Amino acid sequence: MFVYNVKINGSKTFKYFFVGIVLLVVIIVGIVTLKIFHGAINNHETSSCMPQNNVFKITASNYTNVLKSVHDNIDDYIGININFTGYVYRMIDFNENQFVLARNMVISSDLQTVVVGFLCECEESKNFNDNDWIEITGTVTKGDYHGDMPIIKVTEIKKASKPNEELVYPPDESYIPTSGII
């Protein structure tokens, strides 16, 4: 029978353990960072939302994320061309060439909704009634409506069919605003 007598130096063991934990944390942070940046690059390059004509297509699934991001960071989005579908919604204090291209956002489990959307300006808007579904293409500008606000200067407007996905949902909790639509 063999008996081994092992002497452990407490301070060296602690140092090795501490260095090992620090290296593990650094490796994990590095991997997570790499995955985040790699995912962001791949999503941007392969996105079906970004056609070759540099017009960003807003859909029902990304509608409120884009809306929130543009409102929170107006200056980052000035000059971006966007395309989306919604219905005409007007407020009493709008100019006659202004309207909100709106969607109804679900705010509760019993499907209560609020109107959300981009303020748009277009001379041809007089040809459309409230609640008409339209598709617009336009450029994000910075304007004033009770404070700084993104305003879409419409370059193309046409009648559209009511979409299957008429309702939109609040922005994702995991959504990180970026300039990825540029």
Protein backbone atom coordinates (compact mmCIF):
# COMPACT_ATOMS: atom_id res chain seq x y z
CA MET A 1 0.00 0.00 0.00
CA PHE A 2 1.28 3.40 -0.94
CA VAL A 3 0.53 6.52 1.02
CA TYR A 4 1.09 9.90 -0.55
CA ASN A 5 1.78 12.91 1.56
CA VAL A 6 0.82 16.04 -0.33
CA LYS A 7 1.55 19.49 1.01
CA ILE A 8 -0.66 22.27 -0.38
CA ASN A 9 0.52 25.87 -0.38
CA GLY A 10 -2.66 27.88 0.28
CA SER A 11 -1.55 31.19 -1.26
CA LYS A 12 -0.28 29.58 -4.50
CA THR A 13 -3.48 27.55 -4.85
CA PHE A 14 -5.58 30.67 -4.42
CA LYS A 15 -3.51 32.54 -7.01
CA TYR A 16 -3.87 29.71 -9.56
CA PHE A 17 -7.59 29.44 -8.87
CA PHE A 18 -8.06 33.22 -9.20
CA VAL A 19 -6.07 33.38 -12.47
CA GLY A 20 -8.09 30.44 -13.82
CA ILE A 21 -11.41 32.16 -13.02
CA VAL A 22 -10.24 35.45 -14.59
CA LEU A 23 -9.15 33.62 -17.77
CA LEU A 24 -12.48 31.79 -17.95
CA VAL A 25 -14.43 35.06 -17.61
CA VAL A 26 -12.29 36.76 -20.29
CA ILE A 27 -12.84 33.83 -22.68
CA ILE A 28 -16.60 33.84 -22.10
CA VAL A 29 -16.87 37.62 -22.59
CA GLY A 30 -14.78 37.34 -25.77
CA ILE A 31 -16.99 34.60 -27.20
CA VAL A 32 -20.21 36.48 -26.37
CA THR A 33 -18.86 39.72 -27.89
CA LEU A 34 -17.77 37.89 -31.03
CA LYS A 35 -21.19 36.26 -31.41
CA ILE A 36 -22.99 39.58 -30.94
CA PHE A 37 -20.89 41.40 -33.52
CA HIS A 38 -20.89 38.46 -35.92
CA GLY A 39 -24.69 38.20 -35.63
CA ALA A 40 -25.15 41.94 -36.18
CA ILE A 41 -22.92 41.88 -39.26
CA ASN A 42 -24.63 38.81 -40.73
CA ASN A 43 -28.12 40.17 -40.04
CA HIS A 44 -27.23 43.45 -41.73
CA GLU A 45 -25.64 41.82 -44.78
CA THR A 46 -28.31 39.19 -45.35
CA SER A 47 -31.34 41.15 -44.29
CA SER A 48 -34.27 40.80 -46.63
CA CYS A 49 -35.43 44.18 -45.38
CA MET A 50 -32.68 46.08 -47.19
CA PRO A 51 -33.27 46.00 -50.92
CA GLN A 52 -30.60 47.07 -53.35
CA ASN A 53 -32.17 50.47 -53.97
CA ASN A 54 -31.24 51.55 -50.40
CA VAL A 55 -34.84 51.89 -49.27
CA PHE A 56 -35.42 50.32 -45.87
CA LYS A 57 -38.63 48.26 -45.83
CA ILE A 58 -40.51 48.51 -42.55
CA THR A 59 -42.67 45.47 -41.79
CA ALA A 60 -45.20 44.62 -39.10
CA SER A 61 -42.54 42.66 -37.22
CA ASN A 62 -39.96 45.47 -37.07
CA TYR A 63 -42.36 48.44 -37.14
CA THR A 64 -42.25 49.51 -33.48
CA ASN A 65 -38.54 48.73 -33.08
CA VAL A 66 -37.72 51.04 -35.99
CA LEU A 67 -40.22 53.66 -34.83
CA LYS A 68 -38.70 53.73 -31.33
CA SER A 69 -35.14 53.78 -32.60
CA VAL A 70 -35.77 56.63 -35.05
CA HIS A 71 -37.64 58.70 -32.44
CA ASP A 72 -34.90 58.13 -29.85
CA ASN A 73 -32.03 58.90 -32.28
CA ILE A 74 -33.45 61.26 -34.91
CA ASP A 75 -30.10 62.67 -35.99
CA ASP A 76 -28.74 59.19 -36.81
CA TYR A 77 -31.53 58.52 -39.30
CA ILE A 78 -31.83 61.82 -41.19
CA GLY A 79 -31.65 61.13 -44.93
CA ILE A 80 -32.59 57.44 -44.68
CA ASN A 81 -35.17 56.28 -47.23
CA ILE A 82 -37.96 54.09 -45.87
CA ASN A 83 -40.98 52.28 -47.25
CA PHE A 84 -43.96 51.05 -45.26
CA THR A 85 -47.69 50.54 -45.24
CA GLY A 86 -50.25 51.90 -42.80
CA TYR A 87 -53.46 53.80 -42.64
CA VAL A 88 -53.97 57.57 -42.79
CA TYR A 89 -54.55 59.13 -39.38
CA ARG A 90 -54.95 62.88 -38.91
CA MET A 91 -55.05 65.11 -35.84
CA ILE A 92 -56.95 68.37 -35.68
CA ASP A 93 -53.78 70.49 -35.39
CA PHE A 94 -51.99 68.97 -38.43
CA ASN A 95 -51.31 71.05 -41.52
CA GLU A 96 -53.39 69.93 -44.51
CA ASN A 97 -50.35 68.17 -46.02
CA GLN A 98 -49.59 66.21 -42.81
CA PHE A 99 -50.81 62.84 -41.60
CA VAL A 100 -49.57 59.93 -39.53
CA LEU A 101 -49.03 56.72 -41.44
CA ALA A 102 -50.39 54.67 -38.57
CA ARG A 103 -50.69 51.20 -37.19
CA ASN A 104 -52.50 50.01 -34.07
CA MET A 105 -50.07 48.76 -31.42
CA VAL A 106 -51.36 46.14 -28.97
CA ILE A 107 -50.81 47.29 -25.38
CA SER A 108 -52.57 44.62 -23.33
CA SER A 109 -53.48 40.96 -23.38
CA ASP A 110 -57.11 41.79 -24.18
CA LEU A 111 -55.98 43.44 -27.46
CA GLN A 112 -56.42 47.08 -26.45
CA THR A 113 -54.51 49.22 -28.92
CA VAL A 114 -53.05 52.68 -29.38
CA VAL A 115 -52.23 54.46 -32.63
CA VAL A 116 -48.51 54.68 -33.43
CA GLY A 117 -46.71 55.84 -36.52
CA PHE A 118 -44.53 58.31 -38.33
CA LEU A 119 -45.64 61.85 -39.05
CA CYS A 120 -45.55 62.30 -42.84
CA GLU A 121 -45.75 65.31 -45.13
CA CYS A 122 -47.00 65.10 -48.69
CA GLU A 123 -49.00 67.44 -50.92
CA GLU A 124 -50.85 64.47 -52.43
CA SER A 125 -52.12 63.39 -49.00
CA LYS A 126 -55.28 65.43 -49.65
CA ASN A 127 -56.28 62.69 -52.12
CA PHE A 128 -56.57 60.14 -49.30
CA ASN A 129 -59.18 59.91 -46.55
CA ASP A 130 -58.68 59.02 -42.92
CA ASN A 131 -58.37 55.25 -42.44
CA ASP A 132 -57.35 54.66 -46.08
CA TRP A 133 -54.54 52.09 -46.28
CA ILE A 134 -51.58 53.43 -48.24
CA GLU A 135 -47.97 52.58 -48.96
CA ILE A 136 -45.38 55.34 -48.88
CA THR A 137 -41.73 55.75 -49.67
CA GLY A 138 -39.99 58.75 -48.21
CA THR A 139 -36.98 60.25 -46.50
CA VAL A 140 -36.52 60.77 -42.77
CA THR A 141 -36.08 64.44 -41.85
CA LYS A 142 -36.06 66.29 -38.57
CA GLY A 143 -39.02 68.56 -37.97
CA ASP A 144 -41.03 70.15 -35.22
CA TYR A 145 -44.36 68.98 -33.90
CA HIS A 146 -44.57 69.76 -30.20
CA GLY A 147 -40.78 69.32 -30.10
CA ASP A 148 -38.19 67.63 -32.29
CA MET A 149 -39.69 64.77 -34.23
CA PRO A 150 -38.80 62.67 -37.25
CA ILE A 151 -40.96 63.59 -40.20
CA ILE A 152 -41.11 61.52 -43.36
CA LYS A 153 -41.00 63.62 -46.52
CA VAL A 154 -43.02 61.40 -48.85
CA THR A 155 -41.60 60.87 -52.34
CA GLU A 156 -44.08 58.19 -53.43
CA ILE A 157 -47.58 57.46 -52.16
CA LYS A 158 -50.13 54.93 -53.38
CA LYS A 159 -53.28 53.16 -52.24
CA ALA A 160 -52.69 49.77 -50.61
CA SER A 161 -54.71 46.81 -49.42
CA LYS A 162 -55.29 46.23 -45.74
CA PRO A 163 -52.48 43.84 -44.70
CA ASN A 164 -52.99 40.46 -43.04
CA GLU A 165 -50.85 41.64 -40.12
CA GLU A 166 -52.71 44.80 -39.30
CA LEU A 167 -51.65 45.03 -35.62
CA VAL A 168 -48.12 45.66 -34.38
CA TYR A 169 -46.61 44.90 -31.00
CA PRO A 170 -44.44 46.92 -28.58
CA PRO A 171 -40.70 47.05 -29.21
CA ASP A 172 -38.76 43.95 -28.19
CA GLU A 173 -37.10 44.03 -24.77
CA SER A 174 -33.98 42.65 -26.42
CA TYR A 175 -33.93 45.25 -29.20
CA ILE A 176 -30.72 47.25 -29.29
CA PRO A 177 -31.07 50.40 -31.39
CA THR A 178 -28.30 50.63 -33.95
CA SER A 179 -27.72 52.41 -37.17
CA GLY A 180 -28.17 49.04 -38.89
CA ILE A 181 -30.75 50.38 -41.31
CA ILE A 182 -28.21 52.64 -42.91
